[in-house]
Amino acid sequence: MKRSIVAAVFGAIALLPSPMASAQDKTAPTRVVKIGVLSDLSSLYSDITGAGSVLAAKMAVEESELLKKGWTIEVVAGDHQNKADVGVNVARQWFDVDKIDLIVDVPNSAVALAVSNLTREKNRVFLDSGAATSDLTDAQCSPNTIHWVFDSYMLAKGTGTGMMKAGVDTWFFLAADYAFGAALERDTSAIVKAMGGKVLGSVKHPANSSDFSSFLLQAQASKAKVIGLANGGGDTINAVKQAAEFGIVQGGQKLSPLLMFVTDVHSLGLDVSQGLTFTESFYWDLNDGTRDFSRRFAEGMKNKAMPTMAQAGVASSIWHYLKALEALGGNPQDGAKVVAKMKDMPTDDPLFGKGAIRADGRKIHPAYLFEVKKPAESKAPWDYYKLLSAIPAEEAFLPLSDSKCALLKK
């Protein structure tokens, strides 16, 4: 167990203030904060989170200007290896031994749900921007957890509604065989059925699959108008590539990746991904604020990649967390108290604009339905999306009236 934890810890980056500020810290110990970026640093979600999430965390700390005000803030990174037990073990060591105050990122819904439960037990703070399951703020909500960027309901609402309005009303799902895939298939199926569509079948595949041929053949045989990919990262990339090899789109069926990131499109190339539609809540080229941050982010990346919405969410969530700590006058080391303060304060940053955090812990902001450009439409590197429609914040996420969150009960 100890060996697994050590292997999972990626490293620490100490972001220290000036010597004068360090001296001030001795008389103001509550202005010390430790942040853990618990991510996928080596597998199928590493491009959409990973090292980019660590960079986003460092940028958020530096740009918060709290270091100039005498705060000491440390960022630590760890690899959960897409295993719930490894993720919980890393988080437990961080909370018990390293005195981490905040955990961010955590792609992989099974890991995120487990970390959320532990965070509540330890009364720390968990800000998730990488997992998709809407259960984090629904049936398994917590006073210590905020779900920041997207969730399975938002993805289903945007893409499912868009496809149904276009007359694509019969579906077959390829779903990753863990909490994320189940939630995404469940939420999209509900949207489809509510709008009069039909789900003709589904098949589950192991996470991090390299061969989707048998799954795609089942989907093809279903004659469904659309094949919904309830997976992400490397699984989405492999499924889209192999669907192209099978000629599925040319055969008349549509392919709908329910969770897709700009790095996935970059890996696939526009020849393969052109015409795909999906929902995101962030795009690097959306406005001046997103462009400014994204270009600075790309300069810090070895591959000069633009940030994904998950990586942008790491920065955005840390900014708001640090604003809440400053408003509290320091770090009270009481996670529920900090989260309550974050909920009281409206959110506003250049990446997601103005928003709010609901009582269930769901951070709300607009979402967008995008389509991947044709190669001839792209005018510059990473110029991949065209905007089809915007979904208002109050419509993008699960209505509180439908929520099972215990925090909403008086």
Foldseek 3Di string as FASTA:
>chain_A
DVVLLVVFWDFKDWDAADPVLQVVCVVVVLLEAEEEEEEAQDAQCCVQDHPLLQLLLVVLVVVLCVSVVSHTYMYTYTYQNLDLVSLVVNLVCCVPPVVHQEYEEDAHPSNVLSSQVVCQVSQGAYEYLHYAAPCCLFVSFHLRYFDFWHHLLLLLLQQLVVCVVVVQAEEEEEAEPDDQRVRNVVNNQVSSVVSPGYYQYYDYDHPRDQDCVVRVVVRLVSVRQEYEYSHEGPVVLNVLVVCVVVCSVVVRHHYEDSDYWLVSCVVNDQVRQAFHKTKGQFDCPPDPLSVVVQQVSLVVDPVSDGHTSSSNRSSQVVSLLVVLQVVVVGNPSRSSVSSVSSQVDWGAGSTFGTWHADQSNYTFGKMFMWGFHHPVPQDDPSSTTDTDDIGGRCGSDDHPVPGNRPSPPD
